Amino acid sequence: MDDKVGVISSMIIQSRPENMTAIKAALLNMPDTEISADDPSGKIVVVMEAESDRQLADGMKEIGDIPGVLGVNLVFHHSENAQ
């Protein structure tokens, strides 16, 4: 990320249990996105890194557009200039 703003955030994705497999597969295909945990009730915890807040917002929208996703809730957000 050199001289760009570095952003890291975590979020909880809510889905129906029967959609989790497809959603997790889609998440694994997203760059700089990692599944940290999941729960059989339909919750998935994701950590995402981005170069900017805009890139993070775009990634969250992309997650929200995955078929079967009911909601995306930001839990943690940190950004800083890479030094």
PDB file of N, CA and C in Angstrom:
ATOM      1  N   MET A   1       0.804  -1.190   0.000  1.00  0.00           N
ATOM      2  CA  MET A   1       0.000   0.000   0.000  1.00  0.00           C
ATOM      3  C   MET A   1       0.850   1.257   0.000  1.00  0.00           C
ATOM      4  N   ASP A   2       2.101   1.180   0.165  1.00  0.00           N
ATOM      5  CA  ASP A   2       3.064   2.274   0.084  1.00  0.00           C
ATOM      6  C   ASP A   2       2.546   3.581   0.678  1.00  0.00           C
ATOM      7  N   ASP A   3       2.393   4.643  -0.152  1.00  0.00           N
ATOM      8  CA  ASP A   3       2.006   5.962   0.351  1.00  0.00           C
ATOM      9  C   ASP A   3       0.497   6.171   0.356  1.00  0.00           C
ATOM     10  N   LYS A   4      -0.269   5.152   0.115  1.00  0.00           N
ATOM     11  CA  LYS A   4      -1.716   5.278   0.079  1.00  0.00           C
ATOM     12  C   LYS A   4      -2.285   5.020   1.468  1.00  0.00           C
ATOM     13  N   VAL A   5      -3.521   5.426   1.664  1.00  0.00           N
ATOM     14  CA  VAL A   5      -4.193   5.161   2.933  1.00  0.00           C
ATOM     15  C   VAL A   5      -4.470   3.670   3.025  1.00  0.00           C
ATOM     16  N   GLY A   6      -4.114   3.058   4.137  1.00  0.00           N
ATOM     17  CA  GLY A   6      -4.398   1.658   4.360  1.00  0.00           C
ATOM     18  C   GLY A   6      -5.632   1.529   5.235  1.00  0.00           C
ATOM     19  N   VAL A   7      -6.527   0.643   4.860  1.00  0.00           N
ATOM     20  CA  VAL A   7      -7.775   0.459   5.591  1.00  0.00           C
ATOM     21  C   VAL A   7      -7.941  -1.018   5.907  1.00  0.00           C
ATOM     22  N   ILE A   8      -8.311  -1.309   7.135  1.00  0.00           N
ATOM     23  CA  ILE A   8      -8.676  -2.667   7.514  1.00  0.00           C
ATOM     24  C   ILE A   8      -9.982  -2.587   8.282  1.00  0.00           C
ATOM     25  N   SER A   9     -10.858  -3.520   8.017  1.00  0.00           N
ATOM     26  CA  SER A   9     -12.140  -3.520   8.707  1.00  0.00           C
ATOM     27  C   SER A   9     -12.648  -4.944   8.839  1.00  0.00           C
ATOM     28  N   SER A  10     -13.558  -5.102   9.775  1.00  0.00           N
ATOM     29  CA  SER A  10     -14.235  -6.386   9.906  1.00  0.00           C
ATOM     30  C   SER A  10     -15.726  -6.130   9.867  1.00  0.00           C
ATOM     31  N   MET A  11     -16.443  -7.115   9.414  1.00  0.00           N
ATOM     32  CA  MET A  11     -17.890  -6.992   9.310  1.00  0.00           C
ATOM     33  C   MET A  11     -18.555  -8.335   9.538  1.00  0.00           C
ATOM     34  N   ILE A  12     -19.804  -8.274   9.943  1.00  0.00           N
ATOM     35  CA  ILE A  12     -20.620  -9.473  10.084  1.00  0.00           C
ATOM     36  C   ILE A  12     -21.617  -9.479   8.941  1.00  0.00           C
ATOM     37  N   ILE A  13     -21.645 -10.592   8.242  1.00  0.00           N
ATOM     38  CA  ILE A  13     -22.586 -10.776   7.146  1.00  0.00           C
ATOM     39  C   ILE A  13     -23.684 -11.700   7.651  1.00  0.00           C
ATOM     40  N   GLN A  14     -24.916 -11.305   7.441  1.00  0.00           N
ATOM     41  CA  GLN A  14     -26.048 -12.128   7.848  1.00  0.00           C
ATOM     42  C   GLN A  14     -26.675 -12.743   6.609  1.00  0.00           C
ATOM     43  N   SER A  15     -26.945 -14.050   6.717  1.00  0.00           N
ATOM     44  CA  SER A  15     -27.550 -14.763   5.600  1.00  0.00           C
ATOM     45  C   SER A  15     -28.438 -15.869   6.153  1.00  0.00           C
ATOM     46  N   ARG A  16     -29.145 -16.491   5.268  1.00  0.00           N
ATOM     47  CA  ARG A  16     -29.892 -17.686   5.669  1.00  0.00           C
ATOM     48  C   ARG A  16     -28.914 -18.857   5.637  1.00  0.00           C
ATOM     49  N   PRO A  17     -29.054 -19.763   6.589  1.00  0.00           N
ATOM     50  CA  PRO A  17     -28.100 -20.889   6.661  1.00  0.00           C
ATOM     51  C   PRO A  17     -27.948 -21.646   5.342  1.00  0.00           C
ATOM     52  N   GLU A  18     -29.030 -21.805   4.604  1.00  0.00           N
ATOM     53  CA  GLU A  18     -28.961 -22.576   3.358  1.00  0.00           C
ATOM     54  C   GLU A  18     -28.174 -21.856   2.258  1.00  0.00           C
ATOM     55  N   ASN A  19     -27.894 -20.573   2.428  1.00  0.00           N
ATOM     56  CA  ASN A  19     -27.138 -19.811   1.424  1.00  0.00           C
ATOM     57  C   ASN A  19     -25.659 -19.650   1.764  1.00  0.00           C
ATOM     58  N   MET A  20     -25.259 -20.100   2.945  1.00  0.00           N
ATOM     59  CA  MET A  20     -23.893 -19.840   3.418  1.00  0.00           C
ATOM     60  C   MET A  20     -22.807 -20.401   2.510  1.00  0.00           C
ATOM     61  N   THR A  21     -22.984 -21.592   1.996  1.00  0.00           N
ATOM     62  CA  THR A  21     -21.942 -22.206   1.168  1.00  0.00           C
ATOM     63  C   THR A  21     -21.655 -21.354  -0.066  1.00  0.00           C
ATOM     64  N   ALA A  22     -22.696 -20.918  -0.755  1.00  0.00           N
ATOM     65  CA  ALA A  22     -22.513 -20.099  -1.960  1.00  0.00           C
ATOM     66  C   ALA A  22     -21.929 -18.731  -1.610  1.00  0.00           C
ATOM     67  N   ILE A  23     -22.375 -18.147  -0.509  1.00  0.00           N
ATOM     68  CA  ILE A  23     -21.864 -16.838  -0.096  1.00  0.00           C
ATOM     69  C   ILE A  23     -20.389 -16.937   0.264  1.00  0.00           C
ATOM     70  N   LYS A  24     -20.017 -17.966   1.017  1.00  0.00           N
ATOM     71  CA  LYS A  24     -18.611 -18.136   1.391  1.00  0.00           C
ATOM     72  C   LYS A  24     -17.741 -18.344   0.156  1.00  0.00           C
ATOM     73  N   ALA A  25     -18.240 -19.069  -0.829  1.00  0.00           N
ATOM     74  CA  ALA A  25     -17.481 -19.264  -2.072  1.00  0.00           C
ATOM     75  C   ALA A  25     -17.269 -17.928  -2.781  1.00  0.00           C
ATOM     76  N   ALA A  26     -18.299 -17.089  -2.816  1.00  0.00           N
ATOM     77  CA  ALA A  26     -18.169 -15.770  -3.447  1.00  0.00           C
ATOM     78  C   ALA A  26     -17.177 -14.897  -2.683  1.00  0.00           C
ATOM     79  N   LEU A  27     -17.212 -14.951  -1.356  1.00  0.00           N
ATOM     80  CA  LEU A  27     -16.292 -14.158  -0.537  1.00  0.00           C
ATOM     81  C   LEU A  27     -14.844 -14.579  -0.766  1.00  0.00           C
ATOM     82  N   LEU A  28     -14.614 -15.871  -0.912  1.00  0.00           N
ATOM     83  CA  LEU A  28     -13.255 -16.369  -1.127  1.00  0.00           C
ATOM     84  C   LEU A  28     -12.683 -15.907  -2.467  1.00  0.00           C
ATOM     85  N   ASN A  29     -13.547 -15.517  -3.403  1.00  0.00           N
ATOM     86  CA  ASN A  29     -13.092 -15.014  -4.702  1.00  0.00           C
ATOM     87  C   ASN A  29     -12.843 -13.516  -4.705  1.00  0.00           C
ATOM     88  N   MET A  30     -13.156 -12.840  -3.605  1.00  0.00           N
ATOM     89  CA  MET A  30     -12.937 -11.393  -3.523  1.00  0.00           C
ATOM     90  C   MET A  30     -11.510 -11.116  -3.053  1.00  0.00           C
ATOM     91  N   PRO A  31     -10.808 -10.191  -3.708  1.00  0.00           N
ATOM     92  CA  PRO A  31      -9.434  -9.883  -3.288  1.00  0.00           C
ATOM     93  C   PRO A  31      -9.398  -9.226  -1.914  1.00  0.00           C
ATOM     94  N   ASP A  32      -8.351  -9.523  -1.155  1.00  0.00           N
ATOM     95  CA  ASP A  32      -8.102  -8.903   0.152  1.00  0.00           C
ATOM     96  C   ASP A  32      -9.246  -9.104   1.135  1.00  0.00           C
ATOM     97  N   THR A  33      -9.946 -10.224   1.008  1.00  0.00           N
ATOM     98  CA  THR A  33     -11.075 -10.545   1.877  1.00  0.00           C
ATOM     99  C   THR A  33     -10.842 -11.919   2.478  1.00  0.00           C
ATOM    100  N   GLU A  34     -11.021 -12.016   3.776  1.00  0.00           N
ATOM    101  CA  GLU A  34     -10.759 -13.258   4.503  1.00  0.00           C
ATOM    102  C   GLU A  34     -11.953 -13.582   5.397  1.00  0.00           C
ATOM    103  N   ILE A  35     -12.373 -14.836   5.382  1.00  0.00           N
ATOM    104  CA  ILE A  35     -13.424 -15.290   6.289  1.00  0.00           C
ATOM    105  C   ILE A  35     -12.752 -15.682   7.594  1.00  0.00           C
ATOM    106  N   SER A  36     -13.128 -15.003   8.679  1.00  0.00           N
ATOM    107  CA  SER A  36     -12.518 -15.268   9.984  1.00  0.00           C
ATOM    108  C   SER A  36     -13.289 -16.304  10.779  1.00  0.00           C
ATOM    109  N   ALA A  37     -14.598 -16.308  10.635  1.00  0.00           N
ATOM    110  CA  ALA A  37     -15.436 -17.239  11.389  1.00  0.00           C
ATOM    111  C   ALA A  37     -16.805 -17.308  10.727  1.00  0.00           C
ATOM    112  N   ASP A  38     -17.516 -18.373  11.020  1.00  0.00           N
ATOM    113  CA  ASP A  38     -18.908 -18.460  10.591  1.00  0.00           C
ATOM    114  C   ASP A  38     -19.685 -19.283  11.604  1.00  0.00           C
ATOM    115  N   ASP A  39     -20.976 -19.117  11.563  1.00  0.00           N
ATOM    116  CA  ASP A  39     -21.863 -19.762  12.517  1.00  0.00           C
ATOM    117  C   ASP A  39     -23.001 -20.417  11.729  1.00  0.00           C
ATOM    118  N   PRO A  40     -23.406 -21.618  12.100  1.00  0.00           N
ATOM    119  CA  PRO A  40     -24.455 -22.310  11.352  1.00  0.00           C
ATOM    120  C   PRO A  40     -25.775 -21.538  11.266  1.00  0.00           C
ATOM    121  N   SER A  41     -25.956 -20.542  12.125  1.00  0.00           N
ATOM    122  CA  SER A  41     -27.196 -19.759  12.092  1.00  0.00           C
ATOM    123  C   SER A  41     -27.247 -18.806  10.897  1.00  0.00           C
ATOM    124  N   GLY A  42     -26.109 -18.626  10.190  1.00  0.00           N
ATOM    125  CA  GLY A  42     -26.088 -17.774   9.008  1.00  0.00           C
ATOM    126  C   GLY A  42     -25.198 -16.559   9.128  1.00  0.00           C
ATOM    127  N   LYS A  43     -24.412 -16.463  10.186  1.00  0.00           N
ATOM    128  CA  LYS A  43     -23.514 -15.318  10.363  1.00  0.00           C
ATOM    129  C   LYS A  43     -22.108 -15.674   9.885  1.00  0.00           C
ATOM    130  N   ILE A  44     -21.485 -14.726   9.178  1.00  0.00           N
ATOM    131  CA  ILE A  44     -20.126 -14.899   8.672  1.00  0.00           C
ATOM    132  C   ILE A  44     -19.334 -13.657   9.062  1.00  0.00           C
ATOM    133  N   VAL A  45     -18.173 -13.851   9.684  1.00  0.00           N
ATOM    134  CA  VAL A  45     -17.301 -12.738  10.053  1.00  0.00           C
ATOM    135  C   VAL A  45     -16.205 -12.633   8.999  1.00  0.00           C
ATOM    136  N   VAL A  46     -16.033 -11.427   8.463  1.00  0.00           N
ATOM    137  CA  VAL A  46     -15.090 -11.189   7.375  1.00  0.00           C
ATOM    138  C   VAL A  46     -14.141 -10.059   7.756  1.00  0.00           C
ATOM    139  N   VAL A  47     -12.873 -10.201   7.380  1.00  0.00           N
ATOM    140  CA  VAL A  47     -11.896  -9.116   7.490  1.00  0.00           C
ATOM    141  C   VAL A  47     -11.540  -8.703   6.068  1.00  0.00           C
ATOM    142  N   MET A  48     -11.568  -7.393   5.821  1.00  0.00           N
ATOM    143  CA  MET A  48     -11.272  -6.871   4.490  1.00  0.00           C
ATOM    144  C   MET A  48     -10.218  -5.780   4.597  1.00  0.00           C
ATOM    145  N   GLU A  49      -9.239  -5.818   3.709  1.00  0.00           N
ATOM    146  CA  GLU A  49      -8.232  -4.765   3.600  1.00  0.00           C
ATOM    147  C   GLU A  49      -8.480  -4.010   2.305  1.00  0.00           C
ATOM    148  N   ALA A  50      -8.206  -2.706   2.333  1.00  0.00           N
ATOM    149  CA  ALA A  50      -8.389  -1.880   1.144  1.00  0.00           C
ATOM    150  C   ALA A  50      -7.372  -0.746   1.164  1.00  0.00           C
ATOM    151  N   GLU A  51      -7.196  -0.098   0.025  1.00  0.00           N
ATOM    152  CA  GLU A  51      -6.276   1.039  -0.065  1.00  0.00           C
ATOM    153  C   GLU A  51      -6.952   2.340   0.324  1.00  0.00           C
ATOM    154  N   SER A  52      -8.292   2.366   0.320  1.00  0.00           N
ATOM    155  CA  SER A  52      -9.019   3.598   0.637  1.00  0.00           C
ATOM    156  C   SER A  52     -10.388   3.262   1.217  1.00  0.00           C
ATOM    157  N   ASP A  53     -10.990   4.257   1.854  1.00  0.00           N
ATOM    158  CA  ASP A  53     -12.346   4.075   2.362  1.00  0.00           C
ATOM    159  C   ASP A  53     -13.316   3.815   1.214  1.00  0.00           C
ATOM    160  N   ARG A  54     -13.100   4.461   0.077  1.00  0.00           N
ATOM    161  CA  ARG A  54     -13.970   4.250  -1.090  1.00  0.00           C
ATOM    162  C   ARG A  54     -13.897   2.803  -1.548  1.00  0.00           C
ATOM    163  N   GLN A  55     -12.692   2.253  -1.607  1.00  0.00           N
ATOM    164  CA  GLN A  55     -12.526   0.863  -2.023  1.00  0.00           C
ATOM    165  C   GLN A  55     -13.214  -0.065  -1.027  1.00  0.00           C
ATOM    166  N   LEU A  56     -13.126   0.250   0.255  1.00  0.00           N
ATOM    167  CA  LEU A  56     -13.806  -0.543   1.276  1.00  0.00           C
ATOM    168  C   LEU A  56     -15.318  -0.476   1.078  1.00  0.00           C
ATOM    169  N   ALA A  57     -15.853   0.724   0.872  1.00  0.00           N
ATOM    170  CA  ALA A  57     -17.295   0.879   0.664  1.00  0.00           C
ATOM    171  C   ALA A  57     -17.761   0.097  -0.563  1.00  0.00           C
ATOM    172  N   ASP A  58     -16.958   0.127  -1.625  1.00  0.00           N
ATOM    173  CA  ASP A  58     -17.296  -0.634  -2.827  1.00  0.00           C
ATOM    174  C   ASP A  58     -17.313  -2.132  -2.531  1.00  0.00           C
ATOM    175  N   GLY A  59     -16.343  -2.596  -1.728  1.00  0.00           N
ATOM    176  CA  GLY A  59     -16.299  -4.005  -1.354  1.00  0.00           C
ATOM    177  C   GLY A  59     -17.500  -4.413  -0.516  1.00  0.00           C
ATOM    178  N   MET A  60     -17.904  -3.541   0.409  1.00  0.00           N
ATOM    179  CA  MET A  60     -19.085  -3.836   1.227  1.00  0.00           C
ATOM    180  C   MET A  60     -20.341  -3.902   0.362  1.00  0.00           C
ATOM    181  N   LYS A  61     -20.435  -3.014  -0.626  1.00  0.00           N
ATOM    182  CA  LYS A  61     -21.590  -3.056  -1.532  1.00  0.00           C
ATOM    183  C   LYS A  61     -21.581  -4.342  -2.340  1.00  0.00           C
ATOM    184  N   GLU A  62     -20.396  -4.741  -2.792  1.00  0.00           N
ATOM    185  CA  GLU A  62     -20.277  -5.990  -3.552  1.00  0.00           C
ATOM    186  C   GLU A  62     -20.732  -7.171  -2.704  1.00  0.00           C
ATOM    187  N   ILE A  63     -20.346  -7.188  -1.432  1.00  0.00           N
ATOM    188  CA  ILE A  63     -20.791  -8.260  -0.539  1.00  0.00           C
ATOM    189  C   ILE A  63     -22.307  -8.220  -0.391  1.00  0.00           C
ATOM    190  N   GLY A  64     -22.854  -7.029  -0.197  1.00  0.00           N
ATOM    191  CA  GLY A  64     -24.299  -6.898  -0.043  1.00  0.00           C
ATOM    192  C   GLY A  64     -25.082  -7.348  -1.261  1.00  0.00           C
ATOM    193  N   ASP A  65     -24.444  -7.306  -2.435  1.00  0.00           N
ATOM    194  CA  ASP A  65     -25.096  -7.708  -3.680  1.00  0.00           C
ATOM    195  C   ASP A  65     -24.997  -9.210  -3.953  1.00  0.00           C
ATOM    196  N   ILE A  66     -24.261  -9.954  -3.127  1.00  0.00           N
ATOM    197  CA  ILE A  66     -24.173 -11.403  -3.308  1.00  0.00           C
ATOM    198  C   ILE A  66     -25.554 -11.993  -3.026  1.00  0.00           C
ATOM    199  N   PRO A  67     -26.087 -12.807  -3.930  1.00  0.00           N
ATOM    200  CA  PRO A  67     -27.401 -13.406  -3.692  1.00  0.00           C
ATOM    201  C   PRO A  67     -27.433 -14.179  -2.365  1.00  0.00           C
ATOM    202  N   GLY A  68     -28.456 -13.918  -1.574  1.00  0.00           N
ATOM    203  CA  GLY A  68     -28.616 -14.606  -0.294  1.00  0.00           C
ATOM    204  C   GLY A  68     -28.130 -13.816   0.903  1.00  0.00           C
ATOM    205  N   VAL A  69     -27.363 -12.733   0.674  1.00  0.00           N
ATOM    206  CA  VAL A  69     -26.901 -11.893   1.788  1.00  0.00           C
ATOM    207  C   VAL A  69     -28.071 -11.031   2.255  1.00  0.00           C
ATOM    208  N   LEU A  70     -28.358 -11.096   3.555  1.00  0.00           N
ATOM    209  CA  LEU A  70     -29.445 -10.309   4.134  1.00  0.00           C
ATOM    210  C   LEU A  70     -28.962  -8.967   4.653  1.00  0.00           C
ATOM    211  N   GLY A  71     -27.698  -8.906   5.100  1.00  0.00           N
ATOM    212  CA  GLY A  71     -27.165  -7.660   5.631  1.00  0.00           C
ATOM    213  C   GLY A  71     -25.665  -7.738   5.835  1.00  0.00           C
ATOM    214  N   VAL A  72     -25.023  -6.571   5.783  1.00  0.00           N
ATOM    215  CA  VAL A  72     -23.586  -6.440   6.028  1.00  0.00           C
ATOM    216  C   VAL A  72     -23.422  -5.350   7.074  1.00  0.00           C
ATOM    217  N   ASN A  73     -22.862  -5.697   8.230  1.00  0.00           N
ATOM    218  CA  ASN A  73     -22.711  -4.744   9.328  1.00  0.00           C
ATOM    219  C   ASN A  73     -21.242  -4.550   9.665  1.00  0.00           C
ATOM    220  N   LEU A  74     -20.782  -3.299   9.575  1.00  0.00           N
ATOM    221  CA  LEU A  74     -19.409  -2.955   9.907  1.00  0.00           C
ATOM    222  C   LEU A  74     -19.219  -3.047  11.417  1.00  0.00           C
ATOM    223  N   VAL A  75     -18.194  -3.780  11.847  1.00  0.00           N
ATOM    224  CA  VAL A  75     -17.919  -3.967  13.271  1.00  0.00           C
ATOM    225  C   VAL A  75     -16.688  -3.172  13.693  1.00  0.00           C
ATOM    226  N   PHE A  76     -15.655  -3.167  12.849  1.00  0.00           N
ATOM    227  CA  PHE A  76     -14.397  -2.495  13.160  1.00  0.00           C
ATOM    228  C   PHE A  76     -13.880  -1.840  11.894  1.00  0.00           C
ATOM    229  N   HIS A  77     -13.302  -0.635  12.052  1.00  0.00           N
ATOM    230  CA  HIS A  77     -12.741   0.070  10.906  1.00  0.00           C
ATOM    231  C   HIS A  77     -11.524   0.856  11.374  1.00  0.00           C
ATOM    232  N   HIS A  78     -10.412   0.705  10.666  1.00  0.00           N
ATOM    233  CA  HIS A  78      -9.198   1.448  10.998  1.00  0.00           C
ATOM    234  C   HIS A  78      -8.524   1.853   9.694  1.00  0.00           C
ATOM    235  N   SER A  79      -8.131   3.120   9.613  1.00  0.00           N
ATOM    236  CA  SER A  79      -7.369   3.567   8.443  1.00  0.00           C
ATOM    237  C   SER A  79      -6.218   4.443   8.905  1.00  0.00           C
ATOM    238  N   GLU A  80      -5.137   4.381   8.158  1.00  0.00           N
ATOM    239  CA  GLU A  80      -3.951   5.188   8.473  1.00  0.00           C
ATOM    240  C   GLU A  80      -3.105   5.337   7.227  1.00  0.00           C
ATOM    241  N   ASN A  81      -2.263   6.331   7.235  1.00  0.00           N
ATOM    242  CA  ASN A  81      -1.299   6.488   6.157  1.00  0.00           C
ATOM    243  C   ASN A  81      -0.199   5.468   6.351  1.00  0.00           C
ATOM    244  N   ALA A  82       0.087   4.715   5.310  1.00  0.00           N
ATOM    245  CA  ALA A  82       1.196   3.764   5.379  1.00  0.00           C
ATOM    246  C   ALA A  82       2.495   4.555   5.401  1.00  0.00           C
ATOM    247  N   GLN A  83       3.372   4.275   6.334  1.00  0.00           N
ATOM    248  CA  GLN A  83       4.638   4.998   6.459  1.00  0.00           C
ATOM    249  C   GLN A  83       5.780   4.062   6.167  1.00  0.00           C
TER     250      GLN A  83
END
